[in-house]
């Protein structure tokens, strides 16, 4: 057990942070208790050599000070809420506007900047918990959260659970940046993506959805068949121009609440494939458009724009203010219970 758990530094507030390692003999991953962040995932390539397919940092200070939410669990509400405002049960709530005019990923000190508690740790399973007090970052209700990382065969699963004492919002995701060529291999524009999504929610220049659910057919947003990430990213299509590439919420085909395919990705160079499944209604496909050039990552690697992609399973952005979207309200005493799985293979 000591090999599975070791110190990873101390936060600026004096809180100790640990590095947890899961290993089933073929696949392994690392999680830090700061932000419950996925720091590394080692996957065998077509030759059987391990490749780390997740971007991350070597030091806790970088996780504390750099933007981008690398690998972190974000909430209480992942993605954006327009103008940092929403109403619930006739009451208006005001949140931090930490992304231009909007609220992003839970606020100034969201769950990605909190130190989580290790509730359980085995060689293939880590359970982390967090207490989120009433009105933390402006959200009503005390919320108790549990996130379980588990390696089973070639699958890494993330199981999100939460329960509160008042009606509140709850929308949790993992913000890992994947590069199936290896975290230090540069651009992902030549890698393939397939999204199991016939619709998406177009957004304005601040990434707030207009409230419509539009078909992808006939647009560069159509990724229903395996397509190079870079094949259409430079098309003069307004949504791609506004997002500086892909940074959009897709509506996952099939009923919410059932574990179903959301995405398939493949790197021709390494042969590594990744199938993403989720019980959540949406998927934010983001091509790391805003990572600064020459940002230093693990092992001295230099990261930059489009050196990774994110597959953030979620409720739709700004859903508290969009009545046509699935509701992200978690009623008092009810259970938030969602799963996302990443299954790796070789081709």
Foldseek 3Di string as FASTA:
>chain_A
DVVQKDWQDADPVGHTKIWGKADPPAKIWIAIQQLSFTAWIWHQFPVGHTFTFWFFANHPVCLQPPDQLARGKFDQAAAKAAQQWFDDPRDIWHADAPQVSIAHRHHDCTSNRDGWDFPDDDNFKTKTKDWDDACRRGWGWIKIKIWMWGDDPQKTKIKIKMATQAKTFHKIWTWIWTDVVHLQPFAQQQKKKAFQFQWWFAADLSRAGPQDIGGCPPHPVHRNDIDRQNPCLPPPDVSSVSQVGAFTKGFHPDAAQDWDWGMKIADPVRQKIKTKTKNAGIWTKAQQQPAPFQDATPPRRGYHGNRGITTIGIFHHNCSVHVVGDDRIDGHPHMDIMMMMIGMDGD
